[in-house]
Amino acid sequence: CYSTNLFEFLRFDKGQRYICTALNDKTMKRFWLFQRTEELEQYLVEYTERSKILGLLTM
């Protein structure tokens, strides 16, 4: 995940622990790596729905 908003949602709102954090070699942009589980998938759906409601995503 490259989004700090998504990271904060997963980490602080949902209590998900990330595996590691690093910088992309080409962009030097920070990212966080989470283990992909069914629970995480549900949180990603929830995050997407919340973002649509708040007008943050235009899908």
Protein backbone atom coordinates (compact mmCIF):
# COMPACT_ATOMS: atom_id res chain seq x y z
CA CYS A 1 0.00 0.00 0.00
CA TYR A 2 1.40 3.39 -1.03
CA SER A 3 -1.50 5.42 0.37
CA THR A 4 -0.91 6.92 3.81
CA ASN A 5 -4.68 7.22 4.23
CA LEU A 6 -5.14 3.51 3.53
CA PHE A 7 -2.18 2.64 5.75
CA GLU A 8 -3.66 4.62 8.66
CA PHE A 9 -7.08 3.02 8.12
CA LEU A 10 -5.62 -0.50 8.14
CA ARG A 11 -3.11 0.06 10.93
CA PHE A 12 -4.92 2.32 13.37
CA ASP A 13 -8.64 1.84 12.63
CA LYS A 14 -8.52 -1.90 11.96
CA GLY A 15 -5.43 -2.96 13.94
CA GLN A 16 -3.73 -4.68 11.02
CA ARG A 17 -0.01 -5.20 11.35
CA TYR A 18 2.21 -4.68 8.35
CA ILE A 19 5.05 -7.03 7.41
CA CYS A 20 7.54 -4.33 6.48
CA THR A 21 7.92 -0.86 5.09
CA ALA A 22 10.35 0.18 2.36
CA LEU A 23 11.02 2.64 -0.43
CA ASN A 24 10.31 1.90 -4.07
CA ASP A 25 13.70 1.80 -5.83
CA LYS A 26 12.54 3.83 -8.83
CA THR A 27 10.17 6.37 -7.28
CA MET A 28 11.61 6.52 -3.74
CA LYS A 29 8.01 6.45 -2.54
CA ARG A 30 7.37 4.72 0.80
CA PHE A 31 5.08 1.69 0.94
CA TRP A 32 3.81 -0.75 3.55
CA LEU A 33 3.43 -4.47 2.93
CA PHE A 34 0.47 -6.29 4.50
CA GLN A 35 -0.24 -10.01 4.39
CA ARG A 36 -3.21 -10.61 2.09
CA THR A 37 -5.94 -12.37 4.08
CA GLU A 38 -9.73 -12.59 3.80
CA GLU A 39 -9.97 -10.12 6.68
CA LEU A 40 -7.71 -7.64 4.87
CA GLU A 41 -9.76 -8.07 1.68
CA GLN A 42 -12.92 -7.14 3.64
CA TYR A 43 -11.20 -4.04 5.05
CA LEU A 44 -10.13 -2.99 1.55
CA VAL A 45 -13.73 -3.26 0.35
CA GLU A 46 -14.87 -1.23 3.36
CA TYR A 47 -12.20 1.41 2.70
CA THR A 48 -13.24 1.66 -0.95
CA GLU A 49 -16.91 2.04 -0.02
CA ARG A 50 -16.13 4.72 2.59
CA SER A 51 -13.95 6.57 0.10
CA LYS A 52 -16.74 6.58 -2.49
CA ILE A 53 -19.21 7.95 0.06
CA LEU A 54 -16.78 10.70 1.05
CA GLY A 55 -16.11 11.49 -2.61
CA LEU A 56 -12.45 10.46 -2.43
CA LEU A 57 -12.79 7.87 -5.19
CA THR A 58 -14.53 8.39 -8.49
CA MET A 59 -15.10 4.85 -9.73
